[in-house]
C-alpha cells in the first residue's frame, strides 16, 4: 500500500536532510508504530507518507514514494490524496476551525456524501466511538487539550480512509482516554485499515503494533516487532492517588505565593471549576493530575490573568487576580502552554525570547537569551525560524521564553508533550534546578512517571474539583 525507496528530504531553509534514505514498505491492514528521539524526523515522515510534504511544503525531495502503486507526485494534490489517506497532526488546534464539534466532523464529509442522513449517522457513530458525544455542541476552542485531540482523531476517522496517520495521538490524553484510543485503533486494524502512529508513549501498543520503526537523525535505525525493539518495557504506572508513598498534604513553613479561595469558573452553562480552594507556597514543585476536562488548565490560567474568577478569589502575592492588570500578573507568573505554537509568532528563536525581554526592559538581553537557550538545549538556534523546529524543540523554546522573564511562579501545561523520555527528564531536571533556587513550579501533566519522580506535592482534580492534595514522599523535590 505504501512503498518508499531511498527517500530523502530537506526543508526549503534546511541545512541538513530531515529524512535520509528512507526505505520501507507498509502493507494493507498493518499497524506500524514510529518512535525515536525528538527531532528524529518522525513528523516529517508522516508528512511525506500523507503526500503533504511533496505537494505543500516545497524543499528538496529525492527517491521514490508510492501510494497504492502510484507515485505520490502523480496525485492531483492533497485533495485527491485525502480520498485515501487522512492525518491527525500533533497540533490539534491547527485542524479545528469550525464553531462546534459536530460541524467539525461533518465538514469533511459534505464534499463526499450526498445524503444528509448518512452524514448525520456517520458523525453520530464516530462521536460515540471516540467518547465525545457530550461535546457535540461545544466550540473546539473551549475544549481542553485532550478533548481537542480526541475531536481531531474523530474527524480523521469520520473520513473512513484506507490509511490513517496519527502524529502523537495520545500526547495530551489521560490514561483512560489513551486506552480507549488504542482500543479504537485496534478495531480499525481488524477492519483492514492501514495505521501509522508516531508516539513516545509506547507500552499500550505492545500487543497492537505489527511493527516498530525507530528513527534517529532522519533515518531508520531499527525495525522489528515491539518485543524485539523494547523487550524490557514495563507496564503502565499505577494511578498516583492510590500510591502508598503519598500522604495527605499539610501546610509548609514557607511564604505563601498564591491563594485560591472557593474559585468558580463557568464557560456558558458549563461549570469548569466548582469551588476550588488551595494555598501554594514558595519553592514547591507541584504536579496537577486529572482526566481531560477536569479543570486543570482552567485553574492555572487564573494565576496569570488569562482567566478571571466568576466567583471566589485568586491572589498571587499581593495581587488580586480578578482585577490586577495582566502585565503585573505575568511578571509574577510565567505560563508555558500545552501547545507551544500558541506562544510562538516571531521570525526567529532570538526574536521570540527578545519580545518578552523588551516588555520588561531587561538588561543584557543577548546574554539572557544565550543563557536560557543553553539551559533548554537550543544553543546555536538563535536565527532559526521557530516553525522549522520539531514539536519538542518548540516546547523547549516556549519554556526558554518564560525562563528569560525570571518569574517567581512557573507553570507548565503538559511540558513533556512531544519529548522522548531522555528529553523529558532533561526538562524536569531544569525545573528541579529552578525549584531548588527558590522558584515555585506548577506542572499540569498526564505523565505519571514524571509526577511521581519529581513533584513534592500532587493535586488531583476531577470534574472541576480538587479530590486529593498529597505530599509525595518519593519526589526528588521533596
Protein backbone atom coordinates (compact mmCIF):
# COMPACT_ATOMS: atom_id res chain seq x y z
CA UNK A 1 0.00 0.00 0.00
CA UNK A 2 2.91 2.35 0.83
CA UNK A 3 6.36 1.92 -0.68
CA UNK A 4 9.36 4.21 -0.17
CA UNK A 5 12.80 3.68 -1.64
CA UNK A 6 15.85 5.84 -0.79
CA UNK A 7 13.53 8.71 0.16
CA UNK A 8 15.35 11.85 1.30
CA UNK A 9 14.04 15.33 2.00
CA UNK A 10 15.40 18.74 3.03
CA UNK A 11 13.13 21.62 4.06
CA UNK A 12 13.29 24.84 1.98
CA UNK A 13 15.50 26.60 4.52
CA UNK A 14 17.05 23.46 5.97
CA UNK A 15 20.78 22.95 6.15
CA UNK A 16 20.66 19.17 6.51
CA UNK A 17 18.19 16.49 5.37
CA UNK A 18 15.19 15.90 7.62
CA UNK A 19 14.82 12.44 6.00
CA UNK A 20 17.77 10.35 4.80
CA UNK A 21 17.48 7.27 2.59
CA UNK A 22 14.16 6.03 3.95
CA UNK A 23 13.27 2.65 2.54
CA UNK A 24 10.18 0.89 3.83
CA UNK A 25 7.07 -0.96 2.78
CA UNK A 26 3.77 -0.89 4.68
CA UNK A 27 1.06 -3.32 3.68
CA UNK A 28 -2.72 -3.08 3.88
CA UNK A 29 -4.05 -3.72 7.36
CA UNK A 30 -0.73 -3.13 9.14
CA UNK A 31 -0.39 -1.01 12.28
CA UNK A 32 3.09 0.49 12.38
CA UNK A 33 4.45 2.42 15.36
CA UNK A 34 7.12 5.04 14.60
CA UNK A 35 9.19 6.29 17.52
CA UNK A 36 12.55 7.81 18.31
CA UNK A 37 14.12 10.90 19.90
CA UNK A 38 12.74 14.39 19.44
CA UNK A 39 13.72 15.88 16.04
CA UNK A 40 14.48 12.43 14.60
CA UNK A 41 12.29 13.09 11.53
CA UNK A 42 9.15 11.26 12.63
CA UNK A 43 6.68 14.05 11.84
CA UNK A 44 8.44 14.77 8.54
CA UNK A 45 7.97 11.09 7.63
CA UNK A 46 4.24 11.44 8.37
CA UNK A 47 4.06 14.48 6.10
CA UNK A 48 5.80 12.51 3.35
CA UNK A 49 3.61 9.39 3.65
CA UNK A 50 0.47 11.56 3.53
CA UNK A 51 1.71 13.47 0.46
CA UNK A 52 1.61 16.82 2.24
CA UNK A 53 5.37 17.19 2.05
CA UNK A 54 5.59 16.78 -1.71
CA UNK A 55 2.54 18.87 -2.59
CA UNK A 56 2.57 21.64 0.03
CA UNK A 57 5.99 22.19 1.58
CA UNK A 58 8.42 22.59 -1.31
CA UNK A 59 12.02 21.85 -0.41
CA UNK A 60 14.24 19.20 -1.98
CA UNK A 61 12.98 15.65 -2.29
CA UNK A 62 14.67 12.63 -3.86
CA UNK A 63 13.99 8.91 -4.05
CA UNK A 64 10.68 7.14 -4.66
CA UNK A 65 7.39 7.14 -2.73
CA UNK A 66 4.19 5.47 -3.93
CA UNK A 67 0.70 5.10 -2.52
CA UNK A 68 -1.43 2.23 -3.84
CA UNK A 69 1.18 1.61 -6.53
CA UNK A 70 1.05 5.18 -7.83
CA UNK A 71 3.82 7.75 -7.21
CA UNK A 72 2.66 10.36 -4.72
CA UNK A 73 3.76 13.14 -7.07
CA UNK A 74 1.29 11.93 -9.70
CA UNK A 75 -1.74 12.63 -7.49
CA UNK A 76 -3.57 15.87 -8.19
CA UNK A 77 -2.60 17.47 -4.90
CA UNK A 78 -3.64 16.87 -1.32
CA UNK A 79 -7.33 17.00 -2.25
CA UNK A 80 -7.08 13.77 -4.23
CA UNK A 81 -4.76 12.12 -1.69
CA UNK A 82 -7.29 12.83 1.07
CA UNK A 83 -9.60 10.26 -0.51
CA UNK A 84 -7.12 7.57 0.51
CA UNK A 85 -5.19 8.89 3.49
CA UNK A 86 -6.11 11.04 6.50
CA UNK A 87 -3.70 12.52 9.02
CA UNK A 88 -4.07 13.73 12.59
CA UNK A 89 -1.40 16.35 13.31
CA UNK A 90 0.44 16.71 16.61
CA UNK A 91 -1.16 20.16 16.93
CA UNK A 92 -4.92 19.62 17.20
CA UNK A 93 -5.61 23.37 17.13
CA UNK A 94 -4.33 23.59 13.56
CA UNK A 95 -7.10 21.24 12.41
CA UNK A 96 -10.10 22.52 14.35
CA UNK A 97 -11.65 25.56 12.69
CA UNK A 98 -15.43 25.25 12.96
CA UNK A 99 -17.87 26.53 15.57
CA UNK A 100 -18.93 23.19 17.04
CA UNK A 101 -17.59 19.66 17.35
CA UNK A 102 -20.48 18.30 15.29
CA UNK A 103 -19.77 20.75 12.47
CA UNK A 104 -16.06 19.91 12.64
CA UNK A 105 -16.78 16.24 11.99
CA UNK A 106 -19.42 16.83 9.33
CA UNK A 107 -17.45 19.39 7.28
CA UNK A 108 -15.14 16.92 5.55
CA UNK A 109 -17.99 14.57 4.71
CA UNK A 110 -20.14 17.14 2.93
CA UNK A 111 -17.96 17.02 -0.20
CA UNK A 112 -18.06 13.21 -0.31
CA UNK A 113 -21.52 12.14 0.82
CA UNK A 114 -24.72 13.49 -0.71
CA UNK A 115 -27.12 12.10 1.87
CA UNK A 116 -27.58 14.38 4.88
CA UNK A 117 -28.88 11.44 6.89
CA UNK A 118 -25.78 9.38 6.08
CA UNK A 119 -23.55 12.26 7.23
CA UNK A 120 -25.50 12.58 10.49
CA UNK A 121 -25.27 8.83 11.07
CA UNK A 122 -21.51 8.80 10.41
CA UNK A 123 -20.92 11.75 12.74
CA UNK A 124 -23.02 10.19 15.48
CA UNK A 125 -21.23 6.84 15.21
CA UNK A 126 -17.75 8.41 15.29
CA UNK A 127 -18.60 10.61 18.28
CA UNK A 128 -19.82 7.55 20.17
CA UNK A 129 -16.72 5.62 19.14
CA UNK A 130 -14.37 8.34 20.46
CA UNK A 131 -16.42 9.17 23.55
CA UNK A 132 -17.14 12.78 22.61
CA UNK A 133 -20.92 12.74 22.14
CA UNK A 134 -21.30 15.04 25.17
CA UNK A 135 -19.13 17.62 23.36
CA UNK A 136 -21.35 17.73 20.26
CA UNK A 137 -22.37 21.39 20.55
CA UNK A 138 -19.23 22.69 22.25
CA UNK A 139 -16.90 25.03 20.28
CA UNK A 140 -13.49 23.35 19.82
CA UNK A 141 -11.62 26.39 21.15
CA UNK A 142 -13.32 25.95 24.54
CA UNK A 143 -12.21 22.32 24.93
CA UNK A 144 -9.26 21.04 26.92
CA UNK A 145 -6.15 19.92 25.04
CA UNK A 146 -7.06 16.27 25.43
CA UNK A 147 -10.64 16.85 24.28
CA UNK A 148 -9.37 18.70 21.19
CA UNK A 149 -7.10 15.79 20.43
CA UNK A 150 -9.99 13.32 20.56
CA UNK A 151 -12.06 15.56 18.27
CA UNK A 152 -9.21 15.73 15.74
CA UNK A 153 -8.93 11.93 15.81
CA UNK A 154 -12.69 11.60 15.37
CA UNK A 155 -12.61 13.97 12.37
CA UNK A 156 -9.98 11.79 10.71
CA UNK A 157 -11.88 8.57 11.45
CA UNK A 158 -15.07 10.06 10.02
CA UNK A 159 -13.40 10.26 6.60
CA UNK A 160 -13.13 6.44 6.56
CA UNK A 161 -9.91 6.42 4.51
CA UNK A 162 -7.89 3.25 3.99
CA UNK A 163 -4.77 4.81 5.52
CA UNK A 164 -4.76 6.74 8.80
CA UNK A 165 -1.67 8.56 10.06
CA UNK A 166 -1.60 9.86 13.64
CA UNK A 167 1.19 12.07 14.97
CA UNK A 168 1.39 11.87 18.80
CA UNK A 169 -2.30 10.91 19.19
CA UNK A 170 -2.05 10.25 22.95
CA UNK A 171 0.31 13.05 23.98
CA UNK A 172 -2.38 15.10 25.76
CA UNK A 173 -4.69 12.27 26.80
CA UNK A 174 -5.16 10.82 30.26
CA UNK A 175 -4.75 7.10 30.93
CA UNK A 176 -8.42 6.24 30.35
CA UNK A 177 -8.68 8.19 27.08
CA UNK A 178 -5.36 6.74 25.85
CA UNK A 179 -6.60 3.20 26.45
CA UNK A 180 -9.81 3.99 24.58
CA UNK A 181 -7.98 5.42 21.56
CA UNK A 182 -5.73 2.35 21.38
CA UNK A 183 -8.82 0.12 21.50
CA UNK A 184 -10.30 2.11 18.61
CA UNK A 185 -7.11 1.75 16.57
CA UNK A 186 -7.07 -1.98 17.25
CA UNK A 187 -10.64 -2.23 15.98
CA UNK A 188 -9.78 -0.23 12.83
CA UNK A 189 -6.83 -2.50 12.20
CA UNK A 190 -9.14 -5.52 12.46
CA UNK A 191 -11.30 -3.88 9.77
CA UNK A 192 -8.31 -3.77 7.41
CA UNK A 193 -7.25 -0.14 7.85
CA UNK A 194 -3.57 0.70 7.49
CA UNK A 195 -2.48 2.74 10.52
CA UNK A 196 0.78 4.62 11.08
CA UNK A 197 1.34 6.08 14.54
CA UNK A 198 4.06 8.37 15.84
CA UNK A 199 4.15 8.23 19.63
CA UNK A 200 6.50 8.49 22.59
CA UNK A 201 4.04 6.66 24.86
CA UNK A 202 4.78 3.10 23.83
CA UNK A 203 3.58 0.44 26.21
CA UNK A 204 -0.08 0.46 25.19
CA UNK A 205 0.89 -0.63 21.68
CA UNK A 206 2.77 -3.77 22.72
CA UNK A 207 0.00 -6.15 21.68
CA UNK A 208 -1.36 -3.94 18.90
CA UNK A 209 1.55 -2.86 16.70
CA UNK A 210 2.68 -5.22 13.95
CA UNK A 211 5.98 -3.40 13.62
CA UNK A 212 8.03 -0.72 15.34
CA UNK A 213 10.23 1.67 13.36
CA UNK A 214 12.84 3.62 15.33
CA UNK A 215 14.15 6.81 13.73
CA UNK A 216 17.31 8.76 14.54
CA UNK A 217 18.64 11.83 12.74
CA UNK A 218 16.30 11.41 9.79
CA UNK A 219 16.87 7.74 9.03
CA UNK A 220 15.52 4.38 10.19
CA UNK A 221 17.94 2.99 12.75
CA UNK A 222 16.00 -0.09 13.83
CA UNK A 223 12.92 -2.02 12.77
CA UNK A 224 11.19 -5.06 14.24
CA UNK A 225 8.38 -6.31 16.45
CA UNK A 226 7.57 -4.48 19.67
CA UNK A 227 9.15 -7.19 21.80
CA UNK A 228 12.28 -7.20 19.66
CA UNK A 229 12.75 -3.44 19.94
CA UNK A 230 11.53 -2.96 23.54
CA UNK A 231 11.98 -6.26 25.40
CA UNK A 232 12.26 -4.61 28.82
CA UNK A 233 9.43 -2.06 28.58
CA UNK A 234 7.41 -2.12 31.79
CA UNK A 235 3.66 -1.95 32.32
CA UNK A 236 1.61 1.19 32.83
CA UNK A 237 2.20 3.11 36.05
CA UNK A 238 -0.50 2.91 38.66
CA UNK A 239 -2.65 5.93 39.35
CA UNK A 240 -0.74 8.15 41.71
CA UNK A 241 -3.62 8.98 44.01
CA UNK A 242 -3.67 5.36 45.28
CA UNK A 243 0.11 5.25 45.79
CA UNK A 244 1.09 4.35 49.38
CA UNK A 245 4.01 6.80 49.11
CA UNK A 246 1.52 9.67 49.10
CA UNK A 247 0.30 11.18 52.35
CA UNK A 248 -2.25 13.96 52.95
CA UNK A 249 -0.75 17.37 52.33
CA UNK A 250 -0.23 19.73 55.23
CA UNK A 251 0.89 23.41 55.13
CA UNK A 252 4.63 24.04 54.97
CA UNK A 253 6.67 26.67 56.78
CA UNK A 254 7.29 28.84 53.74
CA UNK A 255 5.92 32.16 52.45
CA UNK A 256 2.64 31.93 50.56
CA UNK A 257 2.92 32.71 46.84
CA UNK A 258 -0.75 32.24 45.86
CA UNK A 259 -4.13 31.63 47.48
CA UNK A 260 -7.22 30.29 45.72
CA UNK A 261 -10.47 30.52 47.67
CA UNK A 262 -13.81 28.98 46.59
CA UNK A 263 -12.97 29.57 42.91
CA UNK A 264 -15.80 29.06 40.42
CA UNK A 265 -15.38 29.41 36.65
CA UNK A 266 -18.07 28.86 34.03
CA UNK A 267 -17.95 28.51 30.25
CA UNK A 268 -21.52 29.34 29.31
CA UNK A 269 -23.63 26.83 31.21
CA UNK A 270 -20.65 24.54 31.90
CA UNK A 271 -19.11 24.92 35.36
CA UNK A 272 -15.43 24.16 34.73
CA UNK A 273 -14.32 24.88 38.32
CA UNK A 274 -16.59 24.26 41.28
CA UNK A 275 -15.36 25.87 44.49
CA UNK A 276 -11.61 25.16 44.30
CA UNK A 277 -9.56 26.27 47.32
CA UNK A 278 -5.76 25.89 47.57
CA UNK A 279 -2.77 27.61 49.17
CA UNK A 280 0.51 27.48 47.23
CA UNK A 281 3.89 28.12 48.81
CA UNK A 282 7.23 29.42 47.56
CA UNK A 283 9.67 26.77 46.41
CA UNK A 284 7.14 23.97 45.89
CA UNK A 285 7.21 21.60 42.91
CA UNK A 286 3.54 20.78 42.30
CA UNK A 287 2.01 18.32 39.83
CA UNK A 288 -1.68 18.71 38.99
CA UNK A 289 -3.24 15.49 37.70
CA UNK A 290 -6.68 14.59 36.40
CA UNK A 291 -8.56 13.35 33.38
CA UNK A 292 -9.10 15.51 30.30
CA UNK A 293 -11.65 18.22 31.06
CA UNK A 294 -11.18 18.01 34.83
CA UNK A 295 -10.33 21.73 35.07
CA UNK A 296 -6.52 21.62 35.40
CA UNK A 297 -5.68 24.17 32.69
CA UNK A 298 -8.64 26.37 33.61
CA UNK A 299 -7.32 26.51 37.17
CA UNK A 300 -3.76 27.57 36.35
CA UNK A 301 -4.86 30.22 33.83
CA UNK A 302 -6.31 32.17 36.77
CA UNK A 303 -2.82 32.64 38.18
CA UNK A 304 -1.61 34.89 35.36
CA UNK A 305 -4.82 36.71 34.47
CA UNK A 306 -5.73 34.80 31.31
CA UNK A 307 -8.96 33.90 33.10
CA UNK A 308 -10.77 35.86 35.80
CA UNK A 309 -12.91 34.28 38.55
CA UNK A 310 -16.69 34.22 38.17
CA UNK A 311 -16.95 33.66 41.91
CA UNK A 312 -14.40 33.28 44.67
CA UNK A 313 -10.93 34.82 44.69
CA UNK A 314 -7.36 34.27 43.49
CA UNK A 315 -4.38 36.20 44.86
CA UNK A 316 -0.80 35.97 43.60
CA UNK A 317 1.39 37.53 46.28
CA UNK A 318 -0.35 40.88 46.91
CA UNK A 319 -2.15 40.99 43.56
CA UNK A 320 -5.88 40.31 43.22
CA UNK A 321 -6.02 38.17 40.07
CA UNK A 322 -9.61 39.28 39.46
CA UNK A 323 -8.65 42.90 38.92
CA UNK A 324 -4.86 43.26 38.60
CA UNK A 325 -3.53 44.18 35.13
CA UNK A 326 -2.29 41.14 33.22
CA UNK A 327 1.11 42.80 32.72
CA UNK A 328 1.57 42.85 36.51
CA UNK A 329 0.47 39.24 36.91
CA UNK A 330 2.78 37.89 34.19
CA UNK A 331 5.76 39.45 35.95
CA UNK A 332 4.96 37.13 38.85
CA UNK A 333 3.67 34.11 36.92
CA UNK A 334 5.00 32.56 33.71
CA UNK A 335 2.77 30.05 31.89
CA UNK A 336 4.03 27.65 29.22
CA UNK A 337 1.00 26.45 27.25
CA UNK A 338 0.40 22.80 26.39
CA UNK A 339 0.53 23.75 22.70
CA UNK A 340 3.73 25.78 22.21
CA UNK A 341 2.54 27.08 18.84
CA UNK A 342 0.05 29.34 20.60
CA UNK A 343 3.03 31.21 22.08
CA UNK A 344 5.31 31.42 19.04
CA UNK A 345 4.87 34.11 16.40
CA UNK A 346 8.26 35.71 15.60
CA UNK A 347 10.58 35.03 12.65
CA UNK A 348 13.48 33.72 14.70
CA UNK A 349 14.20 32.00 18.01
CA UNK A 350 16.05 35.10 19.22
CA UNK A 351 13.10 37.38 18.42
CA UNK A 352 10.69 35.09 20.31
CA UNK A 353 12.66 35.48 23.52
CA UNK A 354 13.50 39.13 22.89
CA UNK A 355 9.81 40.07 22.75
CA UNK A 356 9.28 39.36 26.45
CA UNK A 357 12.61 40.85 27.48
CA UNK A 358 11.79 44.12 25.75
CA UNK A 359 8.43 44.28 27.53
CA UNK A 360 10.12 44.15 30.93
CA UNK A 361 13.14 46.27 29.92
CA UNK A 362 15.70 43.58 30.73
CA UNK A 363 19.40 44.39 30.85
CA UNK A 364 21.91 42.49 28.63
CA UNK A 365 19.20 40.67 26.65
CA UNK A 366 21.66 38.81 24.39
CA UNK A 367 23.36 37.35 27.44
CA UNK A 368 19.98 36.30 28.85
CA UNK A 369 18.96 34.72 25.53
CA UNK A 370 22.18 32.75 25.28
CA UNK A 371 21.79 31.55 28.85
CA UNK A 372 18.21 30.29 28.57
CA UNK A 373 18.84 28.62 25.20
CA UNK A 374 21.76 26.75 26.76
CA UNK A 375 19.52 25.68 29.66
CA UNK A 376 16.91 24.18 27.30
CA UNK A 377 19.41 22.68 24.86
CA UNK A 378 18.83 25.03 21.93
CA UNK A 379 22.17 26.83 21.79
CA UNK A 380 23.07 27.96 18.29
CA UNK A 381 19.46 28.15 17.10
CA UNK A 382 19.04 31.92 17.51
CA UNK A 383 18.46 32.54 13.77
CA UNK A 384 16.18 29.53 13.21
CA UNK A 385 12.54 30.08 12.21
CA UNK A 386 10.57 28.59 15.14
CA UNK A 387 8.12 26.68 12.93
CA UNK A 388 11.02 24.71 11.49
CA UNK A 389 11.81 23.26 14.91
CA UNK A 390 10.36 19.91 15.95
CA UNK A 391 7.41 19.80 18.35
CA UNK A 392 9.71 19.02 21.25
CA UNK A 393 12.11 21.79 20.32
CA UNK A 394 9.23 24.27 20.06
CA UNK A 395 8.15 23.17 23.53
CA UNK A 396 11.62 23.90 24.87
CA UNK A 397 11.69 27.28 23.12
CA UNK A 398 8.40 28.19 24.81
CA UNK A 399 9.97 27.30 28.15
CA UNK A 400 13.01 29.46 27.31
CA UNK A 401 10.72 32.44 26.62
CA UNK A 402 9.28 32.12 30.12
CA UNK A 403 12.61 31.46 31.84
CA UNK A 404 14.02 34.64 30.36
CA UNK A 405 11.38 36.65 32.27
CA UNK A 406 12.50 35.10 35.60
CA UNK A 407 9.06 34.88 37.24
CA UNK A 408 8.81 33.53 40.78
CA UNK A 409 5.99 31.15 39.78
CA UNK A 410 6.49 29.00 36.68
CA UNK A 411 3.54 26.98 35.33
CA UNK A 412 3.99 24.30 32.67
CA UNK A 413 0.91 22.82 31.00
CA UNK A 414 1.87 19.33 29.75
CA UNK A 415 5.58 20.23 29.50
CA UNK A 416 6.76 16.84 28.24
CA UNK A 417 4.36 16.61 25.28
CA UNK A 418 6.38 15.71 22.18
CA UNK A 419 9.51 14.88 24.18
CA UNK A 420 11.11 11.45 24.48
CA UNK A 421 11.92 10.09 27.93
CA UNK A 422 15.51 11.39 27.92
CA UNK A 423 14.45 14.91 26.99
CA UNK A 424 11.52 14.81 29.41
CA UNK A 425 13.94 14.08 32.23
CA UNK A 426 16.24 16.82 30.98
CA UNK A 427 13.35 19.29 31.09
CA UNK A 428 12.36 18.16 34.58
CA UNK A 429 15.95 18.38 35.83
CA UNK A 430 15.93 22.00 34.67
CA UNK A 431 12.68 22.63 36.56
CA UNK A 432 14.16 20.92 39.62
CA UNK A 433 17.16 23.24 39.46
CA UNK A 434 14.85 26.26 39.28
CA UNK A 435 12.79 24.94 42.19
CA UNK A 436 15.91 24.45 44.30
CA UNK A 437 16.85 28.08 43.58
CA UNK A 438 13.53 29.32 45.00
CA UNK A 439 11.06 29.24 42.09
CA UNK A 440 7.66 27.65 42.57
CA UNK A 441 6.95 25.10 39.83
CA UNK A 442 3.43 24.01 38.92
CA UNK A 443 3.14 21.27 36.31
CA UNK A 444 -0.09 20.10 34.69
CA UNK A 445 0.68 16.64 33.37
CA UNK A 446 -0.58 13.20 32.37
CA UNK A 447 2.91 11.72 32.74
CA UNK A 448 2.62 9.66 35.91
CA UNK A 449 6.30 8.74 35.97
CA UNK A 450 7.36 12.38 35.81
CA UNK A 451 4.94 13.40 38.57
CA UNK A 452 5.99 10.55 40.82
CA UNK A 453 9.70 11.11 40.35
CA UNK A 454 9.89 14.90 40.57
CA UNK A 455 6.93 16.57 42.29
CA UNK A 456 6.89 17.25 46.02
CA UNK A 457 3.13 17.86 46.03
CA UNK A 458 0.44 16.23 43.91
CA UNK A 459 -3.02 17.74 43.46
CA UNK A 460 -5.68 15.52 41.90
CA UNK A 461 -8.70 17.04 40.11
CA UNK A 462 -11.96 15.61 38.82
CA UNK A 463 -14.98 17.39 37.30
CA UNK A 464 -13.75 20.84 38.30
CA UNK A 465 -12.97 19.95 41.92
CA UNK A 466 -9.87 19.06 43.92
CA UNK A 467 -10.34 15.44 45.04
CA UNK A 468 -6.91 14.97 46.61
CA UNK A 469 -3.93 17.00 47.83
CA UNK A 470 -0.86 14.95 48.71
CA UNK A 471 2.75 15.15 49.79
CA UNK A 472 4.79 12.87 47.51
CA UNK A 473 7.40 11.16 49.66
CA UNK A 474 9.35 9.87 46.65
CA UNK A 475 9.51 13.13 44.72
CA UNK A 476 13.02 14.48 44.15
CA UNK A 477 11.77 17.97 45.03
CA UNK A 478 10.57 16.84 48.48
